[in-house]
PDB file of all heavy atoms in Angstrom:
ATOM      1  N   SER A   1      -6.711   5.630  -8.227  1.00  0.00           N
ATOM      2  CA  SER A   1      -7.992   5.216  -8.835  1.00  0.00           C
ATOM      3  C   SER A   1      -7.908   3.703  -9.257  1.00  0.00           C
ATOM      4  O   SER A   1      -8.446   3.374 -10.260  1.00  0.00           O
ATOM      5  CB  SER A   1      -8.317   6.158 -10.104  1.00  0.00           C
ATOM      6  OG  SER A   1      -7.173   5.950 -10.948  1.00  0.00           O
ATOM      7  N   VAL A   2      -7.335   2.901  -8.375  1.00  0.00           N
ATOM      8  CA  VAL A   2      -7.353   1.498  -8.548  1.00  0.00           C
ATOM      9  C   VAL A   2      -8.163   0.862  -7.464  1.00  0.00           C
ATOM     10  O   VAL A   2      -8.384   1.299  -6.361  1.00  0.00           O
ATOM     11  CB  VAL A   2      -5.918   0.912  -8.468  1.00  0.00           C
ATOM     12  CG1 VAL A   2      -5.099   1.435  -9.698  1.00  0.00           C
ATOM     13  CG2 VAL A   2      -5.238   1.180  -7.359  1.00  0.00           C
ATOM     14  N   GLU A   3      -8.627  -0.332  -7.784  1.00  0.00           N
ATOM     15  CA  GLU A   3      -9.422  -1.089  -6.657  1.00  0.00           C
ATOM     16  C   GLU A   3      -8.526  -1.689  -5.741  1.00  0.00           C
ATOM     17  O   GLU A   3      -7.514  -2.225  -5.957  1.00  0.00           O
ATOM     18  CB  GLU A   3     -10.209  -2.301  -7.409  1.00  0.00           C
ATOM     19  CG  GLU A   3     -11.257  -1.661  -8.279  1.00  0.00           C
ATOM     20  CD  GLU A   3     -12.275  -2.818  -8.650  1.00  0.00           C
ATOM     21  OE1 GLU A   3     -12.368  -3.800  -7.914  1.00  0.00           O
ATOM     22  OE2 GLU A   3     -12.930  -2.629  -9.765  1.00  0.00           O
ATOM     23  N   ILE A   4      -9.010  -1.559  -4.378  1.00  0.00           N
ATOM     24  CA  ILE A   4      -8.224  -2.013  -3.301  1.00  0.00           C
ATOM     25  C   ILE A   4      -8.872  -3.410  -2.939  1.00  0.00           C
ATOM     26  O   ILE A   4     -10.069  -3.551  -2.688  1.00  0.00           O
ATOM     27  CB  ILE A   4      -8.379  -1.078  -2.036  1.00  0.00           C
ATOM     28  CG1 ILE A   4      -8.102   0.308  -2.404  1.00  0.00           C
ATOM     29  CG2 ILE A   4      -7.619  -1.600  -0.975  1.00  0.00           C
ATOM     30  CD1 ILE A   4      -6.687   0.522  -2.854  1.00  0.00           C
ATOM     31  N   PRO A   5      -7.888  -4.430  -2.788  1.00  0.00           N
ATOM     32  CA  PRO A   5      -8.522  -5.685  -2.362  1.00  0.00           C
ATOM     33  C   PRO A   5      -9.095  -5.665  -0.850  1.00  0.00           C
ATOM     34  O   PRO A   5      -8.586  -4.801  -0.127  1.00  0.00           O
ATOM     35  CB  PRO A   5      -7.315  -6.685  -2.377  1.00  0.00           C
ATOM     36  CG  PRO A   5      -6.172  -5.750  -2.479  1.00  0.00           C
ATOM     37  CD  PRO A   5      -6.562  -4.441  -2.977  1.00  0.00           C
ATOM     38  N   ASP A   6     -10.097  -6.298  -0.600  1.00  0.00           N
ATOM     39  CA  ASP A   6     -10.683  -6.396   0.714  1.00  0.00           C
ATOM     40  C   ASP A   6      -9.673  -6.837   1.662  1.00  0.00           C
ATOM     41  O   ASP A   6      -9.147  -8.070   1.460  1.00  0.00           O
ATOM     42  CB  ASP A   6     -12.008  -7.265   0.711  1.00  0.00           C
ATOM     43  CG  ASP A   6     -12.714  -7.189   2.050  1.00  0.00           C
ATOM     44  OD1 ASP A   6     -12.062  -6.874   2.999  1.00  0.00           O
ATOM     45  OD2 ASP A   6     -13.810  -7.577   2.048  1.00  0.00           O
ATOM     46  N   PRO A   7      -9.355  -6.193   2.704  1.00  0.00           N
ATOM     47  CA  PRO A   7      -8.337  -6.716   3.704  1.00  0.00           C
ATOM     48  C   PRO A   7      -8.587  -7.935   4.396  1.00  0.00           C
ATOM     49  O   PRO A   7      -7.909  -8.543   5.005  1.00  0.00           O
ATOM     50  CB  PRO A   7      -8.044  -5.555   4.601  1.00  0.00           C
ATOM     51  CG  PRO A   7      -9.269  -4.626   4.459  1.00  0.00           C
ATOM     52  CD  PRO A   7      -9.828  -4.950   3.086  1.00  0.00           C
ATOM     53  N   ASP A   8     -10.053  -8.295   4.412  1.00  0.00           N
ATOM     54  CA  ASP A   8     -10.431  -9.456   5.168  1.00  0.00           C
ATOM     55  C   ASP A   8     -10.385 -10.720   4.343  1.00  0.00           C
ATOM     56  O   ASP A   8     -10.945 -11.665   4.631  1.00  0.00           O
ATOM     57  CB  ASP A   8     -11.814  -9.231   5.778  1.00  0.00           C
ATOM     58  CG  ASP A   8     -11.753  -8.169   6.932  1.00  0.00           C
ATOM     59  OD1 ASP A   8     -10.725  -8.103   7.562  1.00  0.00           O
ATOM     60  OD2 ASP A   8     -12.622  -7.347   6.987  1.00  0.00           O
ATOM     61  N   MET A   9     -10.011 -10.607   2.947  1.00  0.00           N
ATOM     62  CA  MET A   9     -10.211 -11.688   2.107  1.00  0.00           C
ATOM     63  C   MET A   9      -8.798 -12.411   1.983  1.00  0.00           C
ATOM     64  O   MET A   9      -8.605 -13.127   0.922  1.00  0.00           O
ATOM     65  CB  MET A   9     -10.518 -11.151   0.651  1.00  0.00           C
ATOM     66  CG  MET A   9     -11.856 -10.452   0.629  1.00  0.00           C
ATOM     67  SD  MET A   9     -13.275 -11.648   1.113  1.00  0.00           S
ATOM     68  CE  MET A   9     -13.177 -12.617  -0.353  1.00  0.00           C
ATOM     69  N   GLY A  10      -8.031 -12.408   2.907  1.00  0.00           N
ATOM     70  CA  GLY A  10      -6.742 -13.179   2.868  1.00  0.00           C
ATOM     71  C   GLY A  10      -5.666 -12.437   2.126  1.00  0.00           C
ATOM     72  O   GLY A  10      -5.764 -11.262   1.908  1.00  0.00           O
ATOM     73  N   GLY A  11      -4.643 -13.031   1.685  1.00  0.00           N
ATOM     74  CA  GLY A  11      -3.548 -12.438   0.964  1.00  0.00           C
ATOM     75  C   GLY A  11      -2.489 -11.826   1.925  1.00  0.00           C
ATOM     76  O   GLY A  11      -1.811 -12.618   2.564  1.00  0.00           O
ATOM     77  N   TYR A  12      -2.426 -10.536   1.976  1.00  0.00           N
ATOM     78  CA  TYR A  12      -1.351  -9.962   2.661  1.00  0.00           C
ATOM     79  C   TYR A  12      -1.852  -8.703   3.474  1.00  0.00           C
ATOM     80  O   TYR A  12      -2.824  -8.126   3.046  1.00  0.00           O
ATOM     81  CB  TYR A  12      -0.236  -9.581   1.736  1.00  0.00           C
ATOM     82  CG  TYR A  12      -0.790  -8.735   0.501  1.00  0.00           C
ATOM     83  CD1 TYR A  12      -0.801  -7.381   0.571  1.00  0.00           C
ATOM     84  CD2 TYR A  12      -1.169  -9.368  -0.698  1.00  0.00           C
ATOM     85  CE1 TYR A  12      -1.310  -6.676  -0.560  1.00  0.00           C
ATOM     86  CE2 TYR A  12      -1.627  -8.684  -1.666  1.00  0.00           C
ATOM     87  CZ  TYR A  12      -1.644  -7.244  -1.688  1.00  0.00           C
ATOM     88  OH  TYR A  12      -2.237  -6.543  -2.680  1.00  0.00           O
ATOM     89  N   LEU A  13      -0.982  -8.336   4.447  1.00  0.00           N
ATOM     90  CA  LEU A  13      -1.227  -7.187   5.288  1.00  0.00           C
ATOM     91  C   LEU A  13       0.099  -6.313   5.347  1.00  0.00           C
ATOM     92  O   LEU A  13       1.191  -7.002   5.236  1.00  0.00           O
ATOM     93  CB  LEU A  13      -1.606  -7.586   6.762  1.00  0.00           C
ATOM     94  CG  LEU A  13      -2.803  -8.474   6.809  1.00  0.00           C
ATOM     95  CD1 LEU A  13      -2.872  -8.931   8.322  1.00  0.00           C
ATOM     96  CD2 LEU A  13      -4.092  -7.832   6.420  1.00  0.00           C
ATOM     97  N   PHE A  14       0.015  -5.098   5.598  1.00  0.00           N
ATOM     98  CA  PHE A  14       1.153  -4.207   5.756  1.00  0.00           C
ATOM     99  C   PHE A  14       1.339  -3.859   7.171  1.00  0.00           C
ATOM    100  O   PHE A  14       0.436  -3.414   7.858  1.00  0.00           O
ATOM    101  CB  PHE A  14       1.006  -2.921   4.895  1.00  0.00           C
ATOM    102  CG  PHE A  14       1.262  -3.064   3.492  1.00  0.00           C
ATOM    103  CD1 PHE A  14       0.447  -3.864   2.582  1.00  0.00           C
ATOM    104  CD2 PHE A  14       2.370  -2.506   2.868  1.00  0.00           C
ATOM    105  CE1 PHE A  14       0.707  -3.963   1.256  1.00  0.00           C
ATOM    106  CE2 PHE A  14       2.764  -2.670   1.555  1.00  0.00           C
ATOM    107  CZ  PHE A  14       1.854  -3.433   0.727  1.00  0.00           C
ATOM    108  N   TYR A  15       2.527  -3.944   7.616  1.00  0.00           N
ATOM    109  CA  TYR A  15       2.936  -3.372   8.889  1.00  0.00           C
ATOM    110  C   TYR A  15       3.061  -1.830   8.646  1.00  0.00           C
ATOM    111  O   TYR A  15       3.217  -1.455   7.385  1.00  0.00           O
ATOM    112  CB  TYR A  15       4.265  -3.846   9.428  1.00  0.00           C
ATOM    113  CG  TYR A  15       4.139  -5.226  10.026  1.00  0.00           C
ATOM    114  CD1 TYR A  15       4.233  -6.467   9.302  1.00  0.00           C
ATOM    115  CD2 TYR A  15       4.105  -5.413  11.430  1.00  0.00           C
ATOM    116  CE1 TYR A  15       4.144  -7.682   9.952  1.00  0.00           C
ATOM    117  CE2 TYR A  15       3.986  -6.660  12.005  1.00  0.00           C
ATOM    118  CZ  TYR A  15       4.056  -7.720  11.230  1.00  0.00           C
ATOM    119  OH  TYR A  15       3.816  -9.017  11.847  1.00  0.00           O
ATOM    120  N   SER A  16       2.884  -1.009   9.653  1.00  0.00           N
ATOM    121  CA  SER A  16       2.938   0.384   9.456  1.00  0.00           C
ATOM    122  C   SER A  16       4.097   1.018   8.720  1.00  0.00           C
ATOM    123  O   SER A  16       4.093   1.835   7.847  1.00  0.00           O
ATOM    124  CB  SER A  16       2.597   1.210  10.774  1.00  0.00           C
ATOM    125  OG  SER A  16       3.748   0.920  11.700  1.00  0.00           O
ATOM    126  N   VAL A  17       5.347   0.386   9.049  1.00  0.00           N
ATOM    127  CA  VAL A  17       6.565   0.887   8.438  1.00  0.00           C
ATOM    128  C   VAL A  17       6.554   0.634   6.926  1.00  0.00           C
ATOM    129  O   VAL A  17       6.856   1.425   6.140  1.00  0.00           O
ATOM    130  CB  VAL A  17       7.796   0.370   9.064  1.00  0.00           C
ATOM    131  CG1 VAL A  17       8.010  -1.104   8.896  1.00  0.00           C
ATOM    132  CG2 VAL A  17       8.981   1.126   8.660  1.00  0.00           C
ATOM    133  N   ALA A  18       6.062  -0.522   6.551  1.00  0.00           N
ATOM    134  CA  ALA A  18       5.919  -0.812   5.018  1.00  0.00           C
ATOM    135  C   ALA A  18       4.913  -0.066   4.355  1.00  0.00           C
ATOM    136  O   ALA A  18       5.063   0.353   3.283  1.00  0.00           O
ATOM    137  CB  ALA A  18       5.619  -2.337   4.901  1.00  0.00           C
ATOM    138  N   ASP A  19       3.730   0.203   5.121  1.00  0.00           N
ATOM    139  CA  ASP A  19       2.755   1.075   4.634  1.00  0.00           C
ATOM    140  C   ASP A  19       3.263   2.480   4.201  1.00  0.00           C
ATOM    141  O   ASP A  19       3.048   3.014   3.204  1.00  0.00           O
ATOM    142  CB  ASP A  19       1.605   1.146   5.484  1.00  0.00           C
ATOM    143  CG  ASP A  19       0.321   1.932   4.841  1.00  0.00           C
ATOM    144  OD1 ASP A  19       0.060   1.485   3.759  1.00  0.00           O
ATOM    145  OD2 ASP A  19      -0.222   2.841   5.629  1.00  0.00           O
ATOM    146  N   LYS A  20       4.033   3.022   5.125  1.00  0.00           N
ATOM    147  CA  LYS A  20       4.713   4.303   4.926  1.00  0.00           C
ATOM    148  C   LYS A  20       5.727   4.376   3.796  1.00  0.00           C
ATOM    149  O   LYS A  20       5.747   5.273   3.061  1.00  0.00           O
ATOM    150  CB  LYS A  20       5.304   4.863   6.197  1.00  0.00           C
ATOM    151  CG  LYS A  20       4.364   5.239   7.283  1.00  0.00           C
ATOM    152  CD  LYS A  20       5.064   5.602   8.612  1.00  0.00           C
ATOM    153  CE  LYS A  20       4.076   5.727   9.694  1.00  0.00           C
ATOM    154  NZ  LYS A  20       4.686   5.983  11.040  1.00  0.00           N
ATOM    155  N   GLU A  21       6.400   3.176   3.737  1.00  0.00           N
ATOM    156  CA  GLU A  21       7.382   3.075   2.651  1.00  0.00           C
ATOM    157  C   GLU A  21       6.623   3.059   1.267  1.00  0.00           C
ATOM    158  O   GLU A  21       6.999   3.624   0.276  1.00  0.00           O
ATOM    159  CB  GLU A  21       8.215   1.874   2.806  1.00  0.00           C
ATOM    160  CG  GLU A  21       9.188   2.056   3.971  1.00  0.00           C
ATOM    161  CD  GLU A  21       9.945   0.850   4.559  1.00  0.00           C
ATOM    162  OE1 GLU A  21       9.423  -0.274   4.106  1.00  0.00           O
ATOM    163  OE2 GLU A  21      10.868   0.954   5.202  1.00  0.00           O
ATOM    164  N   GLN A  22       5.598   2.355   1.356  1.00  0.00           N
ATOM    165  CA  GLN A  22       4.763   2.348   0.024  1.00  0.00           C
ATOM    166  C   GLN A  22       4.213   3.608  -0.400  1.00  0.00           C
ATOM    167  O   GLN A  22       4.213   3.991  -1.511  1.00  0.00           O
ATOM    168  CB  GLN A  22       3.510   1.293   0.215  1.00  0.00           C
ATOM    169  CG  GLN A  22       2.649   1.211  -0.995  1.00  0.00           C
ATOM    170  CD  GLN A  22       1.508   0.340  -0.720  1.00  0.00           C
ATOM    171  OE1 GLN A  22       1.173  -0.398  -1.513  1.00  0.00           O
ATOM    172  NE2 GLN A  22       0.780   0.674   0.348  1.00  0.00           N
ATOM    173  N   ASP A  23       3.799   4.432   0.617  1.00  0.00           N
ATOM    174  CA  ASP A  23       3.406   5.796   0.192  1.00  0.00           C
ATOM    175  C   ASP A  23       4.551   6.592  -0.257  1.00  0.00           C
ATOM    176  O   ASP A  23       4.337   7.398  -1.280  1.00  0.00           O
ATOM    177  CB  ASP A  23       2.850   6.530   1.531  1.00  0.00           C
ATOM    178  CG  ASP A  23       1.540   5.966   2.033  1.00  0.00           C
ATOM    179  OD1 ASP A  23       0.808   5.171   1.191  1.00  0.00           O
ATOM    180  OD2 ASP A  23       1.184   6.246   3.175  1.00  0.00           O
ATOM    181  N   ALA A  24       5.707   6.420   0.253  1.00  0.00           N
ATOM    182  CA  ALA A  24       6.907   7.196  -0.274  1.00  0.00           C
ATOM    183  C   ALA A  24       7.301   6.724  -1.706  1.00  0.00           C
ATOM    184  O   ALA A  24       7.614   7.502  -2.574  1.00  0.00           O
ATOM    185  CB  ALA A  24       8.089   6.907   0.660  1.00  0.00           C
ATOM    186  N   ILE A  25       7.174   5.428  -1.965  1.00  0.00           N
ATOM    187  CA  ILE A  25       7.417   5.000  -3.240  1.00  0.00           C
ATOM    188  C   ILE A  25       6.440   5.622  -4.239  1.00  0.00           C
ATOM    189  O   ILE A  25       6.790   6.025  -5.389  1.00  0.00           O
ATOM    190  CB  ILE A  25       7.313   3.348  -3.353  1.00  0.00           C
ATOM    191  CG1 ILE A  25       8.372   2.749  -2.580  1.00  0.00           C
ATOM    192  CG2 ILE A  25       7.252   2.902  -4.756  1.00  0.00           C
ATOM    193  CD1 ILE A  25       8.175   1.228  -2.295  1.00  0.00           C
ATOM    194  N   PHE A  26       5.068   5.594  -3.879  1.00  0.00           N
ATOM    195  CA  PHE A  26       4.197   6.257  -4.732  1.00  0.00           C
ATOM    196  C   PHE A  26       4.470   7.733  -4.933  1.00  0.00           C
ATOM    197  O   PHE A  26       4.591   8.246  -6.152  1.00  0.00           O
ATOM    198  CB  PHE A  26       2.772   6.097  -4.128  1.00  0.00           C
ATOM    199  CG  PHE A  26       1.725   6.797  -4.972  1.00  0.00           C
ATOM    200  CD1 PHE A  26       1.193   6.167  -6.105  1.00  0.00           C
ATOM    201  CD2 PHE A  26       1.313   8.076  -4.767  1.00  0.00           C
ATOM    202  CE1 PHE A  26       0.261   6.725  -6.963  1.00  0.00           C
ATOM    203  CE2 PHE A  26       0.393   8.759  -5.542  1.00  0.00           C
ATOM    204  CZ  PHE A  26      -0.113   8.053  -6.703  1.00  0.00           C
ATOM    205  N   SER A  27       4.782   8.447  -3.837  1.00  0.00           N
ATOM    206  CA  SER A  27       5.070   9.910  -4.020  1.00  0.00           C
ATOM    207  C   SER A  27       6.288  10.183  -4.806  1.00  0.00           C
ATOM    208  O   SER A  27       6.283  11.047  -5.682  1.00  0.00           O
ATOM    209  CB  SER A  27       5.305  10.501  -2.596  1.00  0.00           C
ATOM    210  OG  SER A  27       4.057  10.403  -1.850  1.00  0.00           O
ATOM    211  N   ASP A  28       7.360   9.497  -4.591  1.00  0.00           N
ATOM    212  CA  ASP A  28       8.606   9.715  -5.260  1.00  0.00           C
ATOM    213  C   ASP A  28       8.497   9.301  -6.867  1.00  0.00           C
ATOM    214  O   ASP A  28       8.955  10.138  -7.695  1.00  0.00           O
ATOM    215  CB  ASP A  28       9.686   8.731  -4.727  1.00  0.00           C
ATOM    216  CG  ASP A  28      10.118   9.181  -3.330  1.00  0.00           C
ATOM    217  OD1 ASP A  28       9.702  10.291  -2.904  1.00  0.00           O
ATOM    218  OD2 ASP A  28      10.790   8.349  -2.689  1.00  0.00           O
ATOM    219  N   THR A  29       7.792   8.188  -7.123  1.00  0.00           N
ATOM    220  CA  THR A  29       7.410   7.874  -8.453  1.00  0.00           C
ATOM    221  C   THR A  29       6.651   8.931  -9.201  1.00  0.00           C
ATOM    222  O   THR A  29       6.853   9.275 -10.341  1.00  0.00           O
ATOM    223  CB  THR A  29       6.832   6.523  -8.649  1.00  0.00           C
ATOM    224  OG1 THR A  29       7.649   5.559  -7.833  1.00  0.00           O
ATOM    225  CG2 THR A  29       6.732   5.966  -9.953  1.00  0.00           C
ATOM    226  N   LYS A  30       5.652   9.373  -8.451  1.00  0.00           N
ATOM    227  CA  LYS A  30       4.737  10.390  -9.077  1.00  0.00           C
ATOM    228  C   LYS A  30       5.486  11.714  -9.406  1.00  0.00           C
ATOM    229  O   LYS A  30       5.347  12.291 -10.459  1.00  0.00           O
ATOM    230  CB  LYS A  30       3.614  10.847  -8.063  1.00  0.00           C
ATOM    231  CG  LYS A  30       2.583  11.774  -8.625  1.00  0.00           C
ATOM    232  CD  LYS A  30       1.513  11.956  -7.651  1.00  0.00           C
ATOM    233  CE  LYS A  30       0.451  12.984  -8.098  1.00  0.00           C
ATOM    234  NZ  LYS A  30      -0.433  13.290  -7.157  1.00  0.00           N
ATOM    235  N   LEU A  31       6.412  12.122  -8.520  1.00  0.00           N
ATOM    236  CA  LEU A  31       7.168  13.278  -8.698  1.00  0.00           C
ATOM    237  C   LEU A  31       8.094  13.122  -9.890  1.00  0.00           C
ATOM    238  O   LEU A  31       8.266  14.071 -10.735  1.00  0.00           O
ATOM    239  CB  LEU A  31       8.001  13.677  -7.402  1.00  0.00           C
ATOM    240  CG  LEU A  31       7.282  14.285  -6.348  1.00  0.00           C
ATOM    241  CD1 LEU A  31       8.157  14.473  -5.101  1.00  0.00           C
ATOM    242  CD2 LEU A  31       6.698  15.652  -6.737  1.00  0.00           C
TER     243      LEU A  31
END
Protein backbone atom coordinates (compact mmCIF):
# COMPACT_ATOMS: atom_id res chain seq x y z
CA SER A 1 0.00 0.00 0.00
CA VAL A 2 2.81 2.39 -0.91
CA GLU A 3 3.05 4.73 -3.85
CA ILE A 4 5.04 3.46 -6.82
CA PRO A 5 7.25 5.97 -8.62
CA ASP A 6 6.35 6.46 -12.27
CA PRO A 7 8.82 4.24 -14.19
CA ASP A 8 9.12 6.87 -16.93
CA MET A 9 10.26 9.58 -14.54
CA GLY A 10 13.93 8.65 -14.44
CA GLY A 11 15.62 7.09 -11.47
CA TYR A 12 16.07 3.34 -11.64
CA LEU A 13 14.81 0.21 -13.37
CA PHE A 14 14.88 -3.42 -12.27
CA TYR A 15 16.16 -6.29 -14.34
CA SER A 16 13.86 -9.30 -13.97
CA VAL A 17 16.22 -11.21 -11.68
CA ALA A 18 16.43 -8.25 -9.26
CA ASP A 19 12.66 -7.82 -9.42
CA LYS A 20 12.19 -11.46 -8.38
CA GLU A 21 14.74 -11.03 -5.58
CA GLN A 22 12.85 -7.98 -4.35
CA ASP A 23 9.63 -10.01 -4.26
CA ALA A 24 11.44 -12.71 -2.27
CA ILE A 25 12.80 -10.11 0.18
CA PHE A 26 9.27 -8.82 0.72
CA SER A 27 7.81 -12.32 1.16
CA ASP A 28 10.56 -13.50 3.51
CA THR A 29 10.36 -10.33 5.61
CA LYS A 30 6.56 -10.56 5.77
CA LEU A 31 6.70 -14.17 6.96
